[in-house]
Each structure stands twice: as C-alpha cells, then as structure tokens.
Amino acid sequence: LSWDYRPMCVMYGSCTMEENSKIE
C-alpha cells in the first residue's frame, strides 16, 4: 500500500524568422 505525488511541467518556445523572403 503506497501513494505518490507526481508533478510535471513543460515549457516550450518556438521562433519563426524571415530573411530575404525565406522563412525558417
């Protein structure tokens, strides 16, 4: 007989750039 406290966290960041009409 047991118990648990399970936390979880995620942080995410994305970036979109444009240079000379090209996008990445």
PDB file of all heavy atoms in Angstrom:
ATOM      1  N   LEU A   1       0.869  -1.180   0.000  1.00  0.00           N
ATOM      2  CA  LEU A   1       0.000   0.000   0.000  1.00  0.00           C
ATOM      3  C   LEU A   1       0.896   1.216   0.000  1.00  0.00           C
ATOM      4  O   LEU A   1       1.697   1.408   0.912  1.00  0.00           O
ATOM      5  CB  LEU A   1      -0.902   0.003   1.233  1.00  0.00           C
ATOM      6  CG  LEU A   1      -1.805   1.236   1.428  1.00  0.00           C
ATOM      7  CD1 LEU A   1      -2.779   1.381   0.262  1.00  0.00           C
ATOM      8  CD2 LEU A   1      -2.565   1.135   2.746  1.00  0.00           C
ATOM      9  N   SER A   2       0.801   2.036  -1.049  1.00  0.00           N
ATOM     10  CA  SER A   2       1.657   3.208  -1.123  1.00  0.00           C
ATOM     11  C   SER A   2       0.963   4.309  -1.897  1.00  0.00           C
ATOM     12  O   SER A   2      -0.064   4.101  -2.534  1.00  0.00           O
ATOM     13  CB  SER A   2       2.992   2.860  -1.800  1.00  0.00           C
ATOM     14  OG  SER A   2       3.941   3.887  -1.585  1.00  0.00           O
ATOM     15  N   TRP A   3       1.549   5.505  -1.832  1.00  0.00           N
ATOM     16  CA  TRP A   3       0.995   6.643  -2.570  1.00  0.00           C
ATOM     17  C   TRP A   3       2.124   7.487  -3.115  1.00  0.00           C
ATOM     18  O   TRP A   3       3.270   7.393  -2.671  1.00  0.00           O
ATOM     19  CB  TRP A   3       0.075   7.474  -1.683  1.00  0.00           C
ATOM     20  CG  TRP A   3       0.782   8.235  -0.587  1.00  0.00           C
ATOM     21  CD1 TRP A   3       1.232   7.741   0.604  1.00  0.00           C
ATOM     22  CD2 TRP A   3       1.115   9.630  -0.600  1.00  0.00           C
ATOM     23  NE1 TRP A   3       1.824   8.745   1.348  1.00  0.00           N
ATOM     24  CE2 TRP A   3       1.754   9.912   0.632  1.00  0.00           C
ATOM     25  CE3 TRP A   3       0.920  10.663  -1.521  1.00  0.00           C
ATOM     26  CZ2 TRP A   3       2.219  11.185   0.960  1.00  0.00           C
ATOM     27  CZ3 TRP A   3       1.373  11.928  -1.195  1.00  0.00           C
ATOM     28  CH2 TRP A   3       2.017  12.182   0.030  1.00  0.00           C
ATOM     29  N   ASP A   4       1.787   8.297  -4.110  1.00  0.00           N
ATOM     30  CA  ASP A   4       2.799   9.148  -4.734  1.00  0.00           C
ATOM     31  C   ASP A   4       2.165  10.476  -5.136  1.00  0.00           C
ATOM     32  O   ASP A   4       0.959  10.551  -5.406  1.00  0.00           O
ATOM     33  CB  ASP A   4       3.376   8.457  -5.975  1.00  0.00           C
ATOM     34  CG  ASP A   4       4.756   8.982  -6.373  1.00  0.00           C
ATOM     35  OD1 ASP A   4       5.299   9.826  -5.632  1.00  0.00           O
ATOM     36  OD2 ASP A   4       5.279   8.536  -7.411  1.00  0.00           O
ATOM     37  N   TYR A   5       3.003  11.486  -5.153  1.00  0.00           N
ATOM     38  CA  TYR A   5       2.641  12.820  -5.637  1.00  0.00           C
ATOM     39  C   TYR A   5       3.554  13.048  -6.832  1.00  0.00           C
ATOM     40  O   TYR A   5       4.775  13.127  -6.674  1.00  0.00           O
ATOM     41  CB  TYR A   5       2.890  13.838  -4.529  1.00  0.00           C
ATOM     42  CG  TYR A   5       2.811  15.284  -4.950  1.00  0.00           C
ATOM     43  CD1 TYR A   5       1.627  16.000  -4.803  1.00  0.00           C
ATOM     44  CD2 TYR A   5       3.915  15.962  -5.473  1.00  0.00           C
ATOM     45  CE1 TYR A   5       1.555  17.330  -5.179  1.00  0.00           C
ATOM     46  CE2 TYR A   5       3.838  17.293  -5.846  1.00  0.00           C
ATOM     47  CZ  TYR A   5       2.668  17.971  -5.701  1.00  0.00           C
ATOM     48  OH  TYR A   5       2.588  19.295  -6.071  1.00  0.00           O
ATOM     49  N   ARG A   6       2.969  13.119  -8.040  1.00  0.00           N
ATOM     50  CA  ARG A   6       3.779  13.197  -9.257  1.00  0.00           C
ATOM     51  C   ARG A   6       3.542  14.523  -9.991  1.00  0.00           C
ATOM     52  O   ARG A   6       2.517  14.695 -10.647  1.00  0.00           O
ATOM     53  CB  ARG A   6       3.451  12.029 -10.184  1.00  0.00           C
ATOM     54  CG  ARG A   6       3.798  10.673  -9.590  1.00  0.00           C
ATOM     55  CD  ARG A   6       3.414   9.530 -10.505  1.00  0.00           C
ATOM     56  NE  ARG A   6       3.763   8.245  -9.921  1.00  0.00           N
ATOM     57  CZ  ARG A   6       3.451   7.067 -10.457  1.00  0.00           C
ATOM     58  NH1 ARG A   6       2.767   7.023 -11.594  1.00  0.00           N
ATOM     59  NH2 ARG A   6       3.807   5.941  -9.854  1.00  0.00           N
ATOM     60  N   PRO A   7       4.491  15.435  -9.904  1.00  0.00           N
ATOM     61  CA  PRO A   7       4.373  16.693 -10.636  1.00  0.00           C
ATOM     62  C   PRO A   7       4.984  16.562 -12.033  1.00  0.00           C
ATOM     63  O   PRO A   7       5.801  15.671 -12.283  1.00  0.00           O
ATOM     64  CB  PRO A   7       5.208  17.658  -9.793  1.00  0.00           C
ATOM     65  CG  PRO A   7       6.318  16.782  -9.275  1.00  0.00           C
ATOM     66  CD  PRO A   7       5.703  15.407  -9.063  1.00  0.00           C
ATOM     67  N   MET A   8       4.597  17.438 -12.932  1.00  0.00           N
ATOM     68  CA  MET A   8       5.215  17.517 -14.250  1.00  0.00           C
ATOM     69  C   MET A   8       5.032  18.927 -14.795  1.00  0.00           C
ATOM     70  O   MET A   8       3.978  19.554 -14.587  1.00  0.00           O
ATOM     71  CB  MET A   8       4.580  16.516 -15.211  1.00  0.00           C
ATOM     72  CG  MET A   8       5.254  16.452 -16.584  1.00  0.00           C
ATOM     73  SD  MET A   8       6.950  15.859 -16.486  1.00  0.00           S
ATOM     74  CE  MET A   8       6.662  14.137 -16.086  1.00  0.00           C
ATOM     75  N   CYS A   9       6.070  19.420 -15.454  1.00  0.00           N
ATOM     76  CA  CYS A   9       5.958  20.755 -16.074  1.00  0.00           C
ATOM     77  C   CYS A   9       6.752  20.768 -17.369  1.00  0.00           C
ATOM     78  O   CYS A   9       7.801  20.130 -17.481  1.00  0.00           O
ATOM     79  CB  CYS A   9       6.449  21.839 -15.126  1.00  0.00           C
ATOM     80  SG  CYS A   9       8.076  21.509 -14.407  1.00  0.00           S
ATOM     81  N   VAL A  10       6.238  21.502 -18.344  1.00  0.00           N
ATOM     82  CA  VAL A  10       6.880  21.640 -19.651  1.00  0.00           C
ATOM     83  C   VAL A  10       6.777  23.083 -20.093  1.00  0.00           C
ATOM     84  O   VAL A  10       5.682  23.661 -20.080  1.00  0.00           O
ATOM     85  CB  VAL A  10       6.213  20.749 -20.722  1.00  0.00           C
ATOM     86  CG1 VAL A  10       6.918  20.919 -22.062  1.00  0.00           C
ATOM     87  CG2 VAL A  10       6.196  19.292 -20.295  1.00  0.00           C
ATOM     88  N   MET A  11       7.906  23.669 -20.492  1.00  0.00           N
ATOM     89  CA  MET A  11       7.863  24.995 -21.114  1.00  0.00           C
ATOM     90  C   MET A  11       8.470  24.894 -22.502  1.00  0.00           C
ATOM     91  O   MET A  11       9.518  24.271 -22.702  1.00  0.00           O
ATOM     92  CB  MET A  11       8.607  26.038 -20.293  1.00  0.00           C
ATOM     93  CG  MET A  11       8.288  27.456 -20.761  1.00  0.00           C
ATOM     94  SD  MET A  11       8.703  28.714 -19.544  1.00  0.00           S
ATOM     95  CE  MET A  11       7.717  30.098 -20.176  1.00  0.00           C
ATOM     96  N   TYR A  12       7.786  25.519 -23.447  1.00  0.00           N
ATOM     97  CA  TYR A  12       8.138  25.381 -24.863  1.00  0.00           C
ATOM     98  C   TYR A  12       8.131  26.760 -25.505  1.00  0.00           C
ATOM     99  O   TYR A  12       7.252  27.581 -25.238  1.00  0.00           O
ATOM    100  CB  TYR A  12       7.109  24.474 -25.546  1.00  0.00           C
ATOM    101  CG  TYR A  12       7.155  24.441 -27.054  1.00  0.00           C
ATOM    102  CD1 TYR A  12       7.910  23.493 -27.725  1.00  0.00           C
ATOM    103  CD2 TYR A  12       6.429  25.361 -27.813  1.00  0.00           C
ATOM    104  CE1 TYR A  12       7.942  23.451 -29.119  1.00  0.00           C
ATOM    105  CE2 TYR A  12       6.456  25.338 -29.201  1.00  0.00           C
ATOM    106  CZ  TYR A  12       7.214  24.369 -29.849  1.00  0.00           C
ATOM    107  OH  TYR A  12       7.252  24.348 -31.222  1.00  0.00           O
ATOM    108  N   GLY A  13       9.114  27.009 -26.355  1.00  0.00           N
ATOM    109  CA  GLY A  13       9.142  28.250 -27.113  1.00  0.00           C
ATOM    110  C   GLY A  13       9.601  28.004 -28.533  1.00  0.00           C
ATOM    111  O   GLY A  13      10.606  27.307 -28.745  1.00  0.00           O
ATOM    112  N   SER A  14       8.872  28.513 -29.517  1.00  0.00           N
ATOM    113  CA  SER A  14       9.289  28.383 -30.912  1.00  0.00           C
ATOM    114  C   SER A  14       9.471  29.763 -31.520  1.00  0.00           C
ATOM    115  O   SER A  14       8.877  30.756 -31.071  1.00  0.00           O
ATOM    116  CB  SER A  14       8.267  27.582 -31.721  1.00  0.00           C
ATOM    117  OG  SER A  14       7.091  28.343 -31.937  1.00  0.00           O
ATOM    118  N   CYS A  15      10.285  29.798 -32.545  1.00  0.00           N
ATOM    119  CA  CYS A  15      10.659  31.061 -33.179  1.00  0.00           C
ATOM    120  C   CYS A  15      10.541  30.906 -34.690  1.00  0.00           C
ATOM    121  O   CYS A  15      10.966  29.891 -35.252  1.00  0.00           O
ATOM    122  CB  CYS A  15      12.102  31.389 -32.781  1.00  0.00           C
ATOM    123  SG  CYS A  15      12.829  32.785 -33.643  1.00  0.00           S
ATOM    124  N   THR A  16       9.949  31.882 -35.350  1.00  0.00           N
ATOM    125  CA  THR A  16       9.888  31.914 -36.808  1.00  0.00           C
ATOM    126  C   THR A  16      10.563  33.191 -37.298  1.00  0.00           C
ATOM    127  O   THR A  16      10.253  34.282 -36.804  1.00  0.00           O
ATOM    128  CB  THR A  16       8.441  31.873 -37.319  1.00  0.00           C
ATOM    129  OG1 THR A  16       7.800  30.702 -36.812  1.00  0.00           O
ATOM    130  CG2 THR A  16       8.389  31.869 -38.835  1.00  0.00           C
ATOM    131  N   MET A  17      11.500  33.035 -38.237  1.00  0.00           N
ATOM    132  CA  MET A  17      12.236  34.186 -38.777  1.00  0.00           C
ATOM    133  C   MET A  17      12.078  34.267 -40.293  1.00  0.00           C
ATOM    134  O   MET A  17      11.847  33.260 -40.962  1.00  0.00           O
ATOM    135  CB  MET A  17      13.734  34.057 -38.468  1.00  0.00           C
ATOM    136  CG  MET A  17      14.123  34.131 -37.020  1.00  0.00           C
ATOM    137  SD  MET A  17      15.931  34.049 -36.877  1.00  0.00           S
ATOM    138  CE  MET A  17      16.106  33.928 -35.103  1.00  0.00           C
ATOM    139  N   GLU A  18      12.240  35.492 -40.787  1.00  0.00           N
ATOM    140  CA  GLU A  18      12.224  35.714 -42.233  1.00  0.00           C
ATOM    141  C   GLU A  18      13.462  36.491 -42.646  1.00  0.00           C
ATOM    142  O   GLU A  18      13.837  37.483 -42.014  1.00  0.00           O
ATOM    143  CB  GLU A  18      10.969  36.482 -42.640  1.00  0.00           C
ATOM    144  CG  GLU A  18      10.856  36.682 -44.149  1.00  0.00           C
ATOM    145  CD  GLU A  18       9.553  37.341 -44.571  1.00  0.00           C
ATOM    146  OE1 GLU A  18       8.792  37.768 -43.672  1.00  0.00           O
ATOM    147  OE2 GLU A  18       9.306  37.421 -45.786  1.00  0.00           O
ATOM    148  N   GLU A  19      14.107  35.999 -43.712  1.00  0.00           N
ATOM    149  CA  GLU A  19      15.280  36.685 -44.259  1.00  0.00           C
ATOM    150  C   GLU A  19      15.277  36.524 -45.775  1.00  0.00           C
ATOM    151  O   GLU A  19      15.280  35.399 -46.287  1.00  0.00           O
ATOM    152  CB  GLU A  19      16.563  36.099 -43.671  1.00  0.00           C
ATOM    153  CG  GLU A  19      17.828  36.773 -44.184  1.00  0.00           C
ATOM    154  CD  GLU A  19      19.078  36.152 -43.574  1.00  0.00           C
ATOM    155  OE1 GLU A  19      19.386  34.979 -43.901  1.00  0.00           O
ATOM    156  OE2 GLU A  19      19.726  36.821 -42.764  1.00  0.00           O
ATOM    157  N   ASN A  20      15.237  37.627 -46.479  1.00  0.00           N
ATOM    158  CA  ASN A  20      15.225  37.613 -47.945  1.00  0.00           C
ATOM    159  C   ASN A  20      14.128  36.692 -48.489  1.00  0.00           C
ATOM    160  O   ASN A  20      14.357  35.854 -49.360  1.00  0.00           O
ATOM    161  CB  ASN A  20      16.592  37.172 -48.482  1.00  0.00           C
ATOM    162  CG  ASN A  20      17.696  38.131 -48.089  1.00  0.00           C
ATOM    163  OD1 ASN A  20      17.487  39.346 -47.999  1.00  0.00           O
ATOM    164  ND2 ASN A  20      18.873  37.581 -47.829  1.00  0.00           N
ATOM    165  N   SER A  21      12.932  36.872 -47.922  1.00  0.00           N
ATOM    166  CA  SER A  21      11.729  36.122 -48.324  1.00  0.00           C
ATOM    167  C   SER A  21      11.792  34.632 -47.990  1.00  0.00           C
ATOM    168  O   SER A  21      10.918  33.869 -48.388  1.00  0.00           O
ATOM    169  CB  SER A  21      11.468  36.285 -49.837  1.00  0.00           C
ATOM    170  OG  SER A  21      11.266  37.648 -50.157  1.00  0.00           O
ATOM    171  N   LYS A  22      12.805  34.228 -47.267  1.00  0.00           N
ATOM    172  CA  LYS A  22      12.931  32.841 -46.827  1.00  0.00           C
ATOM    173  C   LYS A  22      12.525  32.745 -45.360  1.00  0.00           C
ATOM    174  O   LYS A  22      12.931  33.567 -44.543  1.00  0.00           O
ATOM    175  CB  LYS A  22      14.372  32.360 -47.011  1.00  0.00           C
ATOM    176  CG  LYS A  22      14.576  30.893 -46.701  1.00  0.00           C
ATOM    177  CD  LYS A  22      16.041  30.509 -46.936  1.00  0.00           C
ATOM    178  CE  LYS A  22      16.262  29.037 -46.653  1.00  0.00           C
ATOM    179  NZ  LYS A  22      17.695  28.654 -46.838  1.00  0.00           N
ATOM    180  N   ILE A  23      11.708  31.749 -45.021  1.00  0.00           N
ATOM    181  CA  ILE A  23      11.204  31.592 -43.658  1.00  0.00           C
ATOM    182  C   ILE A  23      11.721  30.297 -43.045  1.00  0.00           C
ATOM    183  O   ILE A  23      11.689  29.237 -43.687  1.00  0.00           O
ATOM    184  CB  ILE A  23       9.664  31.611 -43.635  1.00  0.00           C
ATOM    185  CG1 ILE A  23       9.157  32.999 -44.060  1.00  0.00           C
ATOM    186  CG2 ILE A  23       9.126  31.257 -42.252  1.00  0.00           C
ATOM    187  CD1 ILE A  23       7.651  33.101 -44.162  1.00  0.00           C
ATOM    188  N   GLU A  24      12.215  30.389 -41.823  1.00  0.00           N
ATOM    189  CA  GLU A  24      12.693  29.220 -41.090  1.00  0.00           C
ATOM    190  C   GLU A  24      12.142  29.259 -39.663  1.00  0.00           C
ATOM    191  O   GLU A  24      11.742  30.313 -39.164  1.00  0.00           O
ATOM    192  CB  GLU A  24      14.227  29.184 -41.026  1.00  0.00           C
ATOM    193  CG  GLU A  24      14.908  29.049 -42.374  1.00  0.00           C
ATOM    194  CD  GLU A  24      14.784  27.638 -42.968  1.00  0.00           C
ATOM    195  OE1 GLU A  24      14.155  26.772 -42.320  1.00  0.00           O
ATOM    196  OE2 GLU A  24      15.293  27.431 -44.081  1.00  0.00           O
TER     197      GLU A  24
END
